[in-house]
N, C-alpha and C. Protein backbone atom coordinates (compact mmCIF):
# COMPACT_ATOMS: atom_id res chain seq x y z
N UNK A 1 139.15 -76.11 43.96
CA UNK A 1 138.97 -74.79 43.39
C UNK A 1 139.18 -74.76 41.91
N UNK A 2 140.33 -75.42 41.48
CA UNK A 2 140.59 -75.43 39.99
C UNK A 2 139.56 -76.23 39.30
N UNK A 3 139.06 -77.33 39.92
CA UNK A 3 138.00 -78.18 39.29
C UNK A 3 136.71 -77.39 39.14
N UNK A 4 136.34 -76.52 40.11
CA UNK A 4 135.14 -75.69 40.08
C UNK A 4 135.30 -74.70 38.89
N UNK A 5 136.54 -74.09 38.79
CA UNK A 5 136.71 -73.10 37.72
C UNK A 5 136.66 -73.77 36.35
N UNK A 6 137.23 -74.95 36.28
CA UNK A 6 137.19 -75.70 35.03
C UNK A 6 135.82 -76.02 34.54
N UNK A 7 135.01 -76.50 35.49
CA UNK A 7 133.65 -76.88 35.16
C UNK A 7 132.87 -75.63 34.86
N UNK A 8 133.01 -74.51 35.57
CA UNK A 8 132.38 -73.27 35.25
C UNK A 8 132.75 -72.79 33.88
N UNK A 9 134.03 -72.83 33.54
CA UNK A 9 134.53 -72.39 32.17
C UNK A 9 133.85 -73.21 31.13
N UNK A 10 133.87 -74.62 31.31
CA UNK A 10 133.29 -75.41 30.26
C UNK A 10 131.77 -75.21 30.05
N UNK A 11 131.09 -75.01 31.20
CA UNK A 11 129.60 -74.71 31.16
C UNK A 11 129.46 -73.39 30.29
N UNK A 12 130.26 -72.37 30.58
CA UNK A 12 130.06 -71.11 29.92
C UNK A 12 130.41 -71.30 28.42
N UNK A 13 131.48 -72.01 28.06
CA UNK A 13 131.84 -72.24 26.63
C UNK A 13 130.76 -73.02 25.86
N UNK A 14 130.19 -74.06 26.47
CA UNK A 14 129.16 -74.83 25.78
C UNK A 14 127.74 -74.29 25.85
N UNK A 15 127.59 -73.19 26.61
CA UNK A 15 126.23 -72.66 26.72
C UNK A 15 126.08 -71.48 25.67
N UNK A 16 127.18 -71.07 25.07
CA UNK A 16 127.15 -69.98 24.16
C UNK A 16 126.74 -70.55 22.76
N UNK A 17 125.69 -70.04 22.17
CA UNK A 17 125.20 -70.57 20.89
C UNK A 17 126.27 -70.38 19.77
N UNK A 18 126.33 -71.38 19.02
CA UNK A 18 127.31 -71.37 17.85
C UNK A 18 126.53 -71.25 16.54
N UNK A 19 126.80 -70.14 15.83
CA UNK A 19 126.11 -69.90 14.55
C UNK A 19 127.11 -70.18 13.41
N UNK A 20 126.63 -71.03 12.49
CA UNK A 20 127.46 -71.29 11.30
C UNK A 20 127.18 -70.20 10.27
N UNK A 21 128.06 -69.87 9.46
CA UNK A 21 127.85 -68.90 8.40
C UNK A 21 127.31 -69.60 7.22
N UNK A 22 125.96 -69.70 7.09
CA UNK A 22 125.40 -70.38 6.03
C UNK A 22 124.63 -69.48 5.09
N UNK A 23 124.93 -68.23 5.20
CA UNK A 23 124.28 -67.31 4.18
C UNK A 23 125.31 -66.12 3.87
N UNK A 24 124.99 -65.39 2.90
CA UNK A 24 125.81 -64.33 2.50
C UNK A 24 124.99 -63.09 1.88
N UNK A 25 125.52 -61.87 2.06
CA UNK A 25 124.81 -60.76 1.54
C UNK A 25 124.87 -60.65 0.05
N UNK A 26 123.77 -60.17 -0.62
CA UNK A 26 123.82 -59.94 -2.05
C UNK A 26 123.50 -58.45 -2.31
N UNK A 27 124.36 -57.82 -3.12
CA UNK A 27 124.18 -56.43 -3.37
C UNK A 27 123.02 -56.22 -4.25
N UNK A 28 122.38 -55.06 -4.25
CA UNK A 28 121.30 -54.72 -5.08
C UNK A 28 121.75 -54.72 -6.56
N UNK A 29 120.91 -55.09 -7.56
CA UNK A 29 121.24 -55.05 -8.92
C UNK A 29 120.00 -54.85 -9.83
N UNK A 30 120.26 -54.46 -11.07
CA UNK A 30 119.19 -54.28 -11.95
C UNK A 30 119.13 -55.40 -12.98
N UNK A 31 117.96 -56.01 -13.10
CA UNK A 31 117.69 -57.08 -14.14
C UNK A 31 117.78 -56.57 -15.49
N UNK A 32 117.90 -57.46 -16.49
CA UNK A 32 117.83 -57.03 -17.91
C UNK A 32 116.59 -56.31 -18.29
N UNK A 33 115.46 -56.62 -17.63
CA UNK A 33 114.21 -56.02 -17.95
C UNK A 33 114.11 -54.66 -17.22
N UNK A 34 115.04 -54.17 -16.52
CA UNK A 34 115.01 -52.94 -15.82
C UNK A 34 114.55 -52.93 -14.38
N UNK A 35 114.07 -54.10 -13.81
CA UNK A 35 113.63 -54.27 -12.55
C UNK A 35 114.82 -54.21 -11.50
N UNK A 36 114.76 -53.37 -10.52
CA UNK A 36 115.81 -53.27 -9.50
C UNK A 36 115.50 -54.27 -8.35
N UNK A 37 116.45 -55.03 -8.04
CA UNK A 37 116.34 -56.03 -6.96
C UNK A 37 117.07 -55.42 -5.72
N UNK A 38 116.30 -55.30 -4.59
CA UNK A 38 116.92 -54.73 -3.40
C UNK A 38 118.07 -55.63 -2.79
N UNK A 39 119.04 -55.13 -2.12
CA UNK A 39 120.07 -55.90 -1.47
C UNK A 39 119.34 -56.87 -0.43
N UNK A 40 119.90 -58.06 -0.32
CA UNK A 40 119.30 -59.07 0.57
C UNK A 40 120.25 -60.10 0.92
N UNK A 41 119.90 -61.04 1.73
CA UNK A 41 120.73 -62.17 2.17
C UNK A 41 120.25 -63.43 1.45
N UNK A 42 121.19 -64.31 1.17
CA UNK A 42 120.82 -65.54 0.41
C UNK A 42 121.60 -66.63 1.06
N UNK A 43 120.92 -67.84 1.15
CA UNK A 43 121.59 -69.02 1.68
C UNK A 43 122.71 -69.44 0.68
N UNK A 44 123.84 -70.01 1.22
CA UNK A 44 124.90 -70.46 0.45
C UNK A 44 124.51 -71.67 -0.46
N UNK A 45 125.01 -71.77 -1.67
CA UNK A 45 124.57 -72.83 -2.50
C UNK A 45 125.08 -74.18 -2.05
N UNK A 46 124.23 -75.19 -2.18
CA UNK A 46 124.59 -76.60 -1.85
C UNK A 46 123.80 -77.46 -2.69
N UNK A 47 123.73 -78.77 -2.36
CA UNK A 47 123.07 -79.76 -3.16
C UNK A 47 121.61 -80.13 -2.75
N UNK A 48 121.04 -79.19 -1.96
CA UNK A 48 119.69 -79.45 -1.47
C UNK A 48 118.86 -78.18 -1.50
N UNK A 49 117.64 -78.33 -1.60
CA UNK A 49 116.72 -77.16 -1.51
C UNK A 49 115.98 -77.11 -0.09
N UNK A 50 116.21 -78.14 0.69
CA UNK A 50 115.51 -78.26 1.99
C UNK A 50 115.84 -77.21 2.99
N UNK A 51 117.06 -76.64 2.85
CA UNK A 51 117.52 -75.61 3.85
C UNK A 51 117.41 -74.21 3.29
N UNK A 52 116.80 -73.95 2.14
CA UNK A 52 116.57 -72.68 1.58
C UNK A 52 115.44 -71.94 2.30
N UNK A 53 115.54 -70.69 2.51
CA UNK A 53 114.52 -69.96 3.22
C UNK A 53 113.14 -69.92 2.51
N UNK A 54 113.22 -70.12 1.20
CA UNK A 54 111.98 -70.04 0.38
C UNK A 54 111.26 -71.41 0.46
N UNK A 55 111.95 -72.44 1.05
CA UNK A 55 111.29 -73.76 1.10
C UNK A 55 110.50 -73.95 2.34
N UNK A 56 109.37 -74.66 2.30
CA UNK A 56 108.55 -75.03 3.43
C UNK A 56 109.31 -75.94 4.38
N UNK A 57 109.24 -75.84 5.54
CA UNK A 57 108.58 -74.94 6.51
C UNK A 57 109.57 -73.93 7.02
N UNK A 58 110.73 -73.64 6.39
CA UNK A 58 111.76 -72.79 6.81
C UNK A 58 111.27 -71.33 6.89
N UNK A 59 111.88 -70.50 7.79
CA UNK A 59 111.59 -69.12 8.01
C UNK A 59 112.83 -68.31 7.79
N UNK A 60 112.64 -67.27 7.01
CA UNK A 60 113.75 -66.34 6.67
C UNK A 60 114.03 -65.48 7.97
N UNK A 61 115.21 -65.64 8.56
CA UNK A 61 115.49 -64.90 9.84
C UNK A 61 115.54 -63.45 9.69
N UNK A 62 115.72 -62.94 8.44
CA UNK A 62 115.81 -61.50 8.25
C UNK A 62 114.39 -60.87 8.06
N UNK A 63 113.47 -61.50 7.46
CA UNK A 63 112.17 -61.00 7.15
C UNK A 63 111.06 -61.54 7.99
N UNK A 64 111.28 -62.81 8.62
CA UNK A 64 110.26 -63.46 9.30
C UNK A 64 109.26 -64.17 8.51
N UNK A 65 109.47 -64.20 7.18
CA UNK A 65 108.47 -64.82 6.37
C UNK A 65 108.74 -66.32 6.24
N UNK A 66 107.63 -67.13 6.13
CA UNK A 66 107.84 -68.57 6.07
C UNK A 66 107.92 -68.88 4.55
N UNK A 67 108.72 -69.88 4.22
CA UNK A 67 108.86 -70.40 2.85
C UNK A 67 107.62 -70.90 2.28
N UNK A 68 107.43 -70.77 1.01
CA UNK A 68 106.17 -71.22 0.30
C UNK A 68 106.36 -72.40 -0.73
N UNK A 69 107.62 -72.59 -1.05
CA UNK A 69 107.94 -73.61 -2.03
C UNK A 69 108.07 -74.98 -1.38
N UNK A 70 107.57 -75.99 -2.08
CA UNK A 70 107.77 -77.41 -1.64
C UNK A 70 109.06 -77.90 -2.17
N UNK A 71 110.01 -78.26 -1.31
CA UNK A 71 111.42 -78.71 -1.87
C UNK A 71 111.28 -79.99 -2.63
N UNK A 72 112.17 -80.11 -3.66
CA UNK A 72 112.32 -81.30 -4.40
C UNK A 72 112.88 -82.37 -3.55
N UNK A 73 112.46 -83.64 -3.76
CA UNK A 73 113.02 -84.75 -2.98
C UNK A 73 114.26 -85.26 -3.51
């Protein structure tokens, strides 16, 4: 009985998707030229462009838009 419960518990724990926090919200702001930038989400900075939402073939999960920039190698 305990073995079945343990196996069921482990199955439940490992079947739950794990999401890493790899982005952060950005507040709206006004640029020097007067253009207002809407609040949005941005990927956390790191040493690669391959995981940015604007890079091909990534898709922004908030807008559904596919990236258009070719990442640097």
